[in-house]
All heavy atoms as atom14 arrays in JSON, in Angstrom:
{
  "sequence": "NYFVNKNIIIKDIDDYNFDGNFIESQAFAYLAIRSYLKL",
  "atom14_mask": [
    [1, 1, 1, 1, 1, 1, 1, 1, 0, 0, 0, 0, 0, 0],
    [1, 1, 1, 1, 1, 1, 1, 1, 1, 1, 1, 1, 0, 0],
    [1, 1, 1, 1, 1, 1, 1, 1, 1, 1, 1, 0, 0, 0],
    [1, 1, 1, 1, 1, 1, 1, 0, 0, 0, 0, 0, 0, 0],
    [1, 1, 1, 1, 1, 1, 1, 1, 0, 0, 0, 0, 0, 0],
    [1, 1, 1, 1, 1, 1, 1, 1, 1, 0, 0, 0, 0, 0],
    [1, 1, 1, 1, 1, 1, 1, 1, 0, 0, 0, 0, 0, 0],
    [1, 1, 1, 1, 1, 1, 1, 1, 0, 0, 0, 0, 0, 0],
    [1, 1, 1, 1, 1, 1, 1, 1, 0, 0, 0, 0, 0, 0],
    [1, 1, 1, 1, 1, 1, 1, 1, 0, 0, 0, 0, 0, 0],
    [1, 1, 1, 1, 1, 1, 1, 1, 1, 0, 0, 0, 0, 0],
    [1, 1, 1, 1, 1, 1, 1, 1, 0, 0, 0, 0, 0, 0],
    [1, 1, 1, 1, 1, 1, 1, 1, 0, 0, 0, 0, 0, 0],
    [1, 1, 1, 1, 1, 1, 1, 1, 0, 0, 0, 0, 0, 0],
    [1, 1, 1, 1, 1, 1, 1, 1, 0, 0, 0, 0, 0, 0],
    [1, 1, 1, 1, 1, 1, 1, 1, 1, 1, 1, 1, 0, 0],
    [1, 1, 1, 1, 1, 1, 1, 1, 0, 0, 0, 0, 0, 0],
    [1, 1, 1, 1, 1, 1, 1, 1, 1, 1, 1, 0, 0, 0],
    [1, 1, 1, 1, 1, 1, 1, 1, 0, 0, 0, 0, 0, 0],
    [1, 1, 1, 1, 0, 0, 0, 0, 0, 0, 0, 0, 0, 0],
    [1, 1, 1, 1, 1, 1, 1, 1, 0, 0, 0, 0, 0, 0],
    [1, 1, 1, 1, 1, 1, 1, 1, 1, 1, 1, 0, 0, 0],
    [1, 1, 1, 1, 1, 1, 1, 1, 0, 0, 0, 0, 0, 0],
    [1, 1, 1, 1, 1, 1, 1, 1, 1, 0, 0, 0, 0, 0],
    [1, 1, 1, 1, 1, 1, 0, 0, 0, 0, 0, 0, 0, 0],
    [1, 1, 1, 1, 1, 1, 1, 1, 1, 0, 0, 0, 0, 0],
    [1, 1, 1, 1, 1, 0, 0, 0, 0, 0, 0, 0, 0, 0],
    [1, 1, 1, 1, 1, 1, 1, 1, 1, 1, 1, 0, 0, 0],
    [1, 1, 1, 1, 1, 0, 0, 0, 0, 0, 0, 0, 0, 0],
    [1, 1, 1, 1, 1, 1, 1, 1, 1, 1, 1, 1, 0, 0],
    [1, 1, 1, 1, 1, 1, 1, 1, 0, 0, 0, 0, 0, 0],
    [1, 1, 1, 1, 1, 0, 0, 0, 0, 0, 0, 0, 0, 0],
    [1, 1, 1, 1, 1, 1, 1, 1, 0, 0, 0, 0, 0, 0],
    [1, 1, 1, 1, 1, 1, 1, 1, 1, 1, 1, 0, 0, 0],
    [1, 1, 1, 1, 1, 1, 0, 0, 0, 0, 0, 0, 0, 0],
    [1, 1, 1, 1, 1, 1, 1, 1, 1, 1, 1, 1, 0, 0],
    [1, 1, 1, 1, 1, 1, 1, 1, 0, 0, 0, 0, 0, 0],
    [1, 1, 1, 1, 1, 1, 1, 1, 1, 0, 0, 0, 0, 0],
    [1, 1, 1, 1, 1, 1, 1, 1, 0, 0, 0, 0, 0, 0]
  ],
  "atom14_positions": [
    [[3.98, -16.16, 12.74], [4.61, -17.32, 13.38], [5.74, -17.9, 12.54], [6.65, -18.53, 13.08], [3.57, -18.4, 13.66], [2.6, -18.01, 14.76], [2.86, -17.08, 15.53], [1.46, -18.68, 14.83], [0.0, 0.0, 0.0], [0.0, 0.0, 0.0], [0.0, 0.0, 0.0], [0.0, 0.0, 0.0], [0.0, 0.0, 0.0], [0.0, 0.0, 0.0]],
    [[5.67, -17.71, 11.23], [6.73, -18.23, 10.36], [7.98, -17.34, 10.39], [9.02, -17.73, 9.88], [6.22, -18.36, 8.92], [5.46, -19.64, 8.66], [4.13, -19.64, 8.31], [6.1, -20.88, 8.76], [3.43, -20.81, 8.06], [5.42, -22.06, 8.51], [4.09, -22.02, 8.16], [3.41, -23.2, 7.92], [0.0, 0.0, 0.0], [0.0, 0.0, 0.0]],
    [[7.85, -16.14, 10.95], [9.0, -15.26, 11.06], [9.48, -15.25, 12.51], [8.83, -14.67, 13.39], [8.65, -13.83, 10.62], [8.54, -13.68, 9.14], [7.3, -13.65, 8.52], [9.68, -13.57, 8.35], [7.19, -13.51, 7.15], [9.58, -13.43, 6.98], [8.34, -13.41, 6.37], [0.0, 0.0, 0.0], [0.0, 0.0, 0.0], [0.0, 0.0, 0.0]],
    [[10.6, -15.88, 12.76], [11.14, -15.93, 14.12], [12.07, -14.76, 14.4], [12.47, -14.55, 15.54], [11.89, -17.26, 14.36], [10.92, -18.42, 14.28], [13.02, -17.45, 13.35], [0.0, 0.0, 0.0], [0.0, 0.0, 0.0], [0.0, 0.0, 0.0], [0.0, 0.0, 0.0], [0.0, 0.0, 0.0], [0.0, 0.0, 0.0], [0.0, 0.0, 0.0]],
    [[12.4, -14.01, 13.34], [13.29, -12.86, 13.5], [12.56, -11.75, 14.25], [11.62, -11.15, 13.75], [13.74, -12.36, 12.12], [14.8, -11.29, 12.22], [14.96, -10.65, 13.26], [15.54, -11.09, 11.15], [0.0, 0.0, 0.0], [0.0, 0.0, 0.0], [0.0, 0.0, 0.0], [0.0, 0.0, 0.0], [0.0, 0.0, 0.0], [0.0, 0.0, 0.0]],
    [[12.99, -11.48, 15.46], [12.31, -10.48, 16.3], [12.54, -9.06, 15.81], [11.91, -8.13, 16.29], [12.81, -10.61, 17.74], [12.58, -11.98, 18.37], [11.12, -12.36, 18.41], [10.92, -13.7, 19.09], [9.51, -14.13, 19.08], [0.0, 0.0, 0.0], [0.0, 0.0, 0.0], [0.0, 0.0, 0.0], [0.0, 0.0, 0.0], [0.0, 0.0, 0.0]],
    [[13.46, -8.87, 14.86], [13.72, -7.52, 14.35], [12.7, -7.08, 13.31], [12.71, -5.94, 12.87], [15.13, -7.45, 13.75], [16.21, -7.55, 14.8], [16.04, -7.04, 15.91], [17.29, -8.23, 14.49], [0.0, 0.0, 0.0], [0.0, 0.0, 0.0], [0.0, 0.0, 0.0], [0.0, 0.0, 0.0], [0.0, 0.0, 0.0], [0.0, 0.0, 0.0]],
    [[11.83, -7.99, 12.88], [10.83, -7.67, 11.86], [9.56, -7.13, 12.53], [9.04, -7.71, 13.47], [10.5, -8.91, 11.02], [11.7, -9.29, 10.13], [9.27, -8.67, 10.15], [11.5, -10.56, 9.34], [0.0, 0.0, 0.0], [0.0, 0.0, 0.0], [0.0, 0.0, 0.0], [0.0, 0.0, 0.0], [0.0, 0.0, 0.0], [0.0, 0.0, 0.0]],
    [[9.09, -6.01, 12.02], [7.85, -5.42, 12.5], [6.81, -5.54, 11.39], [6.99, -5.0, 10.3], [8.04, -3.94, 12.88], [9.02, -3.81, 14.06], [6.7, -3.3, 13.24], [9.36, -2.38, 14.42], [0.0, 0.0, 0.0], [0.0, 0.0, 0.0], [0.0, 0.0, 0.0], [0.0, 0.0, 0.0], [0.0, 0.0, 0.0], [0.0, 0.0, 0.0]],
    [[5.73, -6.29, 11.66], [4.65, -6.47, 10.7], [3.45, -5.66, 11.17], [2.91, -5.9, 12.25], [4.26, -7.96, 10.57], [5.48, -8.79, 10.11], [3.11, -8.13, 9.59], [5.21, -10.28, 10.04], [0.0, 0.0, 0.0], [0.0, 0.0, 0.0], [0.0, 0.0, 0.0], [0.0, 0.0, 0.0], [0.0, 0.0, 0.0], [0.0, 0.0, 0.0]],
    [[3.06, -4.66, 10.36], [1.96, -3.79, 10.77], [1.02, -3.53, 9.6], [1.44, -3.51, 8.43], [2.5, -2.45, 11.28], [3.34, -2.56, 12.55], [3.83, -1.2, 13.02], [2.72, -0.38, 13.63], [3.22, 0.86, 14.27], [0.0, 0.0, 0.0], [0.0, 0.0, 0.0], [0.0, 0.0, 0.0], [0.0, 0.0, 0.0], [0.0, 0.0, 0.0]],
    [[-0.26, -3.3, 9.91], [-1.22, -2.87, 8.9], [-0.85, -1.5, 8.38], [-0.37, -0.63, 9.13], [-2.63, -2.78, 9.5], [-3.26, -4.14, 9.71], [-2.6, -5.15, 9.39], [-4.4, -4.19, 10.19], [0.0, 0.0, 0.0], [0.0, 0.0, 0.0], [0.0, 0.0, 0.0], [0.0, 0.0, 0.0], [0.0, 0.0, 0.0], [0.0, 0.0, 0.0]],
    [[-1.12, -1.28, 7.11], [-0.87, 0.04, 6.54], [-1.78, 1.09, 7.18], [-1.46, 2.28, 7.19], [-1.07, 0.01, 5.0], [-0.37, 1.2, 4.35], [-2.55, -0.06, 4.63], [-0.22, 1.07, 2.84], [0.0, 0.0, 0.0], [0.0, 0.0, 0.0], [0.0, 0.0, 0.0], [0.0, 0.0, 0.0], [0.0, 0.0, 0.0], [0.0, 0.0, 0.0]],
    [[-2.9, 0.62, 7.77], [-3.81, 1.53, 8.48], [-3.1, 2.25, 9.63], [-3.47, 3.38, 9.98], [-5.01, 0.76, 9.03], [-5.71, -0.06, 7.96], [-5.11, -1.03, 7.47], [-6.85, 0.28, 7.62], [0.0, 0.0, 0.0], [0.0, 0.0, 0.0], [0.0, 0.0, 0.0], [0.0, 0.0, 0.0], [0.0, 0.0, 0.0], [0.0, 0.0, 0.0]],
    [[-2.09, 1.59, 10.21], [-1.35, 2.2, 11.31], [-0.52, 3.39, 10.85], [0.0, 4.15, 11.68], [-0.43, 1.16, 11.97], [-1.21, 0.06, 12.66], [-2.34, 0.32, 13.11], [-0.7, -1.08, 12.73], [0.0, 0.0, 0.0], [0.0, 0.0, 0.0], [0.0, 0.0, 0.0], [0.0, 0.0, 0.0], [0.0, 0.0, 0.0], [0.0, 0.0, 0.0]],
    [[-0.39, 3.54, 9.53], [0.37, 4.66, 8.97], [-0.55, 5.66, 8.26], [-0.14, 6.37, 7.35], [1.43, 4.13, 8.0], [2.42, 3.2, 8.66], [2.34, 1.82, 8.46], [3.43, 3.69, 9.49], [3.24, 0.96, 9.06], [4.33, 2.83, 10.1], [4.23, 1.47, 9.89], [5.12, 0.61, 10.5], [0.0, 0.0, 0.0], [0.0, 0.0, 0.0]],
    [[-1.82, 5.67, 8.69], [-2.81, 6.64, 8.2], [-3.21, 6.43, 6.74], [-3.59, 7.39, 6.05], [-2.34, 8.08, 8.42], [-2.18, 8.41, 9.89], [-2.82, 7.8, 10.75], [-1.32, 9.37, 10.19], [0.0, 0.0, 0.0], [0.0, 0.0, 0.0], [0.0, 0.0, 0.0], [0.0, 0.0, 0.0], [0.0, 0.0, 0.0], [0.0, 0.0, 0.0]],
    [[-3.13, 5.2, 6.25], [-3.69, 4.83, 4.96], [-4.79, 3.8, 5.22], [-4.68, 2.97, 6.12], [-2.64, 4.22, 4.03], [-1.73, 5.23, 3.4], [-0.56, 5.63, 4.04], [-2.03, 5.78, 2.17], [0.29, 6.56, 3.47], [-1.19, 6.72, 1.58], [-0.03, 7.11, 2.23], [0.0, 0.0, 0.0], [0.0, 0.0, 0.0], [0.0, 0.0, 0.0]],
    [[-5.85, 3.85, 4.42], [-6.92, 2.87, 4.55], [-6.56, 1.64, 3.71], [-6.58, 1.69, 2.48], [-8.25, 3.46, 4.07], [-9.44, 2.56, 4.42], [-9.27, 1.32, 4.44], [-10.54, 3.09, 4.66], [0.0, 0.0, 0.0], [0.0, 0.0, 0.0], [0.0, 0.0, 0.0], [0.0, 0.0, 0.0], [0.0, 0.0, 0.0], [0.0, 0.0, 0.0]],
    [[-6.23, 0.55, 4.38], [-5.76, -0.65, 3.71], [-6.77, -1.31, 2.81], [-6.42, -2.18, 1.99], [0.0, 0.0, 0.0], [0.0, 0.0, 0.0], [0.0, 0.0, 0.0], [0.0, 0.0, 0.0], [0.0, 0.0, 0.0], [0.0, 0.0, 0.0], [0.0, 0.0, 0.0], [0.0, 0.0, 0.0], [0.0, 0.0, 0.0], [0.0, 0.0, 0.0]],
    [[-8.06, -0.91, 2.92], [-9.08, -1.48, 2.04], [-9.05, -0.89, 0.65], [-9.61, -1.48, -0.29], [-10.48, -1.23, 2.63], [-10.73, -2.01, 3.9], [-10.15, -3.08, 4.09], [-11.57, -1.48, 4.77], [0.0, 0.0, 0.0], [0.0, 0.0, 0.0], [0.0, 0.0, 0.0], [0.0, 0.0, 0.0], [0.0, 0.0, 0.0], [0.0, 0.0, 0.0]],
    [[-8.42, 0.29, 0.51], [-8.56, 1.03, -0.74], [-7.23, 1.37, -1.42], [-7.19, 2.26, -2.26], [-9.36, 2.32, -0.49], [-10.76, 2.07, -0.03], [-11.1, 2.15, 1.31], [-11.74, 1.7, -0.93], [-12.39, 1.91, 1.75], [-13.05, 1.45, -0.51], [-13.37, 1.54, 0.83], [0.0, 0.0, 0.0], [0.0, 0.0, 0.0], [0.0, 0.0, 0.0]],
    [[-6.18, 0.66, -1.08], [-4.89, 0.94, -1.7], [-4.94, 0.68, -3.2], [-4.43, 1.48, -4.01], [-3.77, 0.12, -1.04], [-3.64, 0.47, 0.45], [-2.44, 0.34, -1.76], [-3.35, 1.93, 0.72], [0.0, 0.0, 0.0], [0.0, 0.0, 0.0], [0.0, 0.0, 0.0], [0.0, 0.0, 0.0], [0.0, 0.0, 0.0], [0.0, 0.0, 0.0]],
    [[-5.57, -0.42, -3.6], [-5.6, -0.74, -5.03], [-6.5, 0.21, -5.83], [-6.16, 0.61, -6.94], [-6.03, -2.19, -5.25], [-4.95, -3.19, -4.91], [-5.24, -4.57, -5.48], [-6.15, -5.23, -4.98], [-4.54, -4.97, -6.43], [0.0, 0.0, 0.0], [0.0, 0.0, 0.0], [0.0, 0.0, 0.0], [0.0, 0.0, 0.0], [0.0, 0.0, 0.0]],
    [[-7.64, 0.58, -5.28], [-8.5, 1.53, -6.0], [-7.83, 2.9, -6.08], [-7.91, 3.58, -7.12], [-9.88, 1.63, -5.35], [-9.8, 1.85, -3.96], [0.0, 0.0, 0.0], [0.0, 0.0, 0.0], [0.0, 0.0, 0.0], [0.0, 0.0, 0.0], [0.0, 0.0, 0.0], [0.0, 0.0, 0.0], [0.0, 0.0, 0.0], [0.0, 0.0, 0.0]],
    [[-7.13, 3.3, -5.03], [-6.36, 4.54, -5.1], [-5.24, 4.41, -6.13], [-4.96, 5.36, -6.87], [-5.78, 4.87, -3.73], [-6.81, 5.3, -2.7], [-6.2, 5.57, -1.33], [-5.02, 5.3, -1.09], [-7.0, 6.12, -0.42], [0.0, 0.0, 0.0], [0.0, 0.0, 0.0], [0.0, 0.0, 0.0], [0.0, 0.0, 0.0], [0.0, 0.0, 0.0]],
    [[-4.64, 3.24, -6.16], [-3.55, 3.01, -7.11], [-4.02, 3.19, -8.55], [-3.33, 3.81, -9.37], [-2.96, 1.62, -6.92], [0.0, 0.0, 0.0], [0.0, 0.0, 0.0], [0.0, 0.0, 0.0], [0.0, 0.0, 0.0], [0.0, 0.0, 0.0], [0.0, 0.0, 0.0], [0.0, 0.0, 0.0], [0.0, 0.0, 0.0], [0.0, 0.0, 0.0]],
    [[-5.2, 2.67, -8.87], [-5.66, 2.78, -10.26], [-6.16, 4.18, -10.59], [-6.14, 4.58, -11.77], [-6.68, 1.69, -10.58], [-6.0, 0.38, -10.9], [-5.82, -0.58, -9.93], [-5.48, 0.14, -12.16], [-5.14, -1.76, -10.2], [-4.81, -1.03, -12.45], [-4.64, -1.99, -11.48], [0.0, 0.0, 0.0], [0.0, 0.0, 0.0], [0.0, 0.0, 0.0]],
    [[-6.57, 4.94, -9.6], [-6.83, 6.36, -9.84], [-5.51, 7.07, -10.17], [-5.46, 7.92, -11.07], [-7.47, 6.99, -8.6], [0.0, 0.0, 0.0], [0.0, 0.0, 0.0], [0.0, 0.0, 0.0], [0.0, 0.0, 0.0], [0.0, 0.0, 0.0], [0.0, 0.0, 0.0], [0.0, 0.0, 0.0], [0.0, 0.0, 0.0], [0.0, 0.0, 0.0]],
    [[-4.46, 6.69, -9.46], [-3.12, 7.25, -9.69], [-2.55, 6.79, -11.04], [-2.0, 7.59, -11.8], [-2.21, 6.8, -8.54], [-0.8, 7.31, -8.57], [-0.51, 8.65, -8.34], [0.27, 6.44, -8.8], [0.8, 9.12, -8.34], [1.58, 6.89, -8.8], [1.84, 8.23, -8.57], [3.14, 8.68, -8.57], [0.0, 0.0, 0.0], [0.0, 0.0, 0.0]],
    [[-2.73, 5.51, -11.35], [-2.25, 4.98, -12.63], [-2.98, 5.61, -13.81], [-2.42, 5.77, -14.89], [-2.4, 3.46, -12.67], [-1.54, 2.66, -11.7], [-1.87, 1.17, -11.8], [-0.06, 2.88, -11.94], [0.0, 0.0, 0.0], [0.0, 0.0, 0.0], [0.0, 0.0, 0.0], [0.0, 0.0, 0.0], [0.0, 0.0, 0.0], [0.0, 0.0, 0.0]],
    [[-4.25, 5.97, -13.6], [-4.99, 6.65, -14.66], [-4.35, 7.99, -15.0], [-4.2, 8.35, -16.17], [-6.45, 6.84, -14.23], [0.0, 0.0, 0.0], [0.0, 0.0, 0.0], [0.0, 0.0, 0.0], [0.0, 0.0, 0.0], [0.0, 0.0, 0.0], [0.0, 0.0, 0.0], [0.0, 0.0, 0.0], [0.0, 0.0, 0.0], [0.0, 0.0, 0.0]],
    [[-3.94, 8.71, -13.97], [-3.27, 10.0, -14.19], [-1.96, 9.79, -14.91], [-1.64, 10.49, -15.88], [-3.05, 10.73, -12.85], [-4.39, 11.02, -12.16], [-2.28, 12.03, -13.06], [-4.28, 11.5, -10.73], [0.0, 0.0, 0.0], [0.0, 0.0, 0.0], [0.0, 0.0, 0.0], [0.0, 0.0, 0.0], [0.0, 0.0, 0.0], [0.0, 0.0, 0.0]],
    [[-1.18, 8.82, -14.44], [0.12, 8.57, -15.08], [-0.06, 8.11, -16.53], [0.71, 8.51, -17.41], [0.91, 7.53, -14.28], [1.41, 8.05, -12.95], [2.3, 7.05, -12.24], [3.56, 6.81, -12.94], [4.66, 7.55, -12.79], [4.66, 8.59, -11.97], [5.77, 7.25, -13.44], [0.0, 0.0, 0.0], [0.0, 0.0, 0.0], [0.0, 0.0, 0.0]],
    [[-1.07, 7.3, -16.78], [-1.33, 6.86, -18.15], [-1.71, 8.04, -19.04], [-1.25, 8.16, -20.17], [-2.44, 5.81, -18.17], [-2.06, 4.63, -17.5], [0.0, 0.0, 0.0], [0.0, 0.0, 0.0], [0.0, 0.0, 0.0], [0.0, 0.0, 0.0], [0.0, 0.0, 0.0], [0.0, 0.0, 0.0], [0.0, 0.0, 0.0], [0.0, 0.0, 0.0]],
    [[-2.55, 8.92, -18.51], [-2.98, 10.1, -19.27], [-1.78, 10.99, -19.6], [-1.71, 11.57, -20.69], [-4.02, 10.87, -18.46], [-4.57, 12.08, -19.17], [-5.48, 11.94, -20.22], [-4.18, 13.37, -18.8], [-5.99, 13.05, -20.87], [-4.68, 14.48, -19.45], [-5.58, 14.32, -20.49], [-6.07, 15.42, -21.14], [0.0, 0.0, 0.0], [0.0, 0.0, 0.0]],
    [[-0.83, 11.07, -18.67], [0.37, 11.9, -18.87], [1.49, 11.16, -19.6], [2.58, 11.71, -19.77], [0.88, 12.39, -17.5], [-0.05, 13.32, -16.73], [0.49, 13.59, -15.33], [-0.26, 14.64, -17.48], [0.0, 0.0, 0.0], [0.0, 0.0, 0.0], [0.0, 0.0, 0.0], [0.0, 0.0, 0.0], [0.0, 0.0, 0.0], [0.0, 0.0, 0.0]],
    [[1.22, 9.9, -19.99], [2.2, 9.05, -20.68], [3.43, 8.76, -19.8], [4.54, 8.56, -20.31], [2.65, 9.69, -22.0], [1.52, 10.02, -22.95], [0.75, 8.79, -23.38], [-0.35, 9.12, -24.38], [-1.19, 7.93, -24.72], [0.0, 0.0, 0.0], [0.0, 0.0, 0.0], [0.0, 0.0, 0.0], [0.0, 0.0, 0.0], [0.0, 0.0, 0.0]],
    [[3.21, 8.73, -18.49], [4.28, 8.37, -17.56], [4.29, 6.85, -17.37], [3.24, 6.2, -17.46], [4.07, 9.07, -16.21], [4.15, 10.6, -16.22], [3.72, 11.15, -14.87], [5.55, 11.07, -16.59], [0.0, 0.0, 0.0], [0.0, 0.0, 0.0], [0.0, 0.0, 0.0], [0.0, 0.0, 0.0], [0.0, 0.0, 0.0], [0.0, 0.0, 0.0]]
  ]
}
């Protein structure tokens, strides 16, 4: 309701085949790999 701009599309990440409940836990699994590789 605070966005009156009709050109903005607000959608759940679930609509793009990602589970929105687990983005952060997946992120830290990913960050663990990057940390291990010194990235």
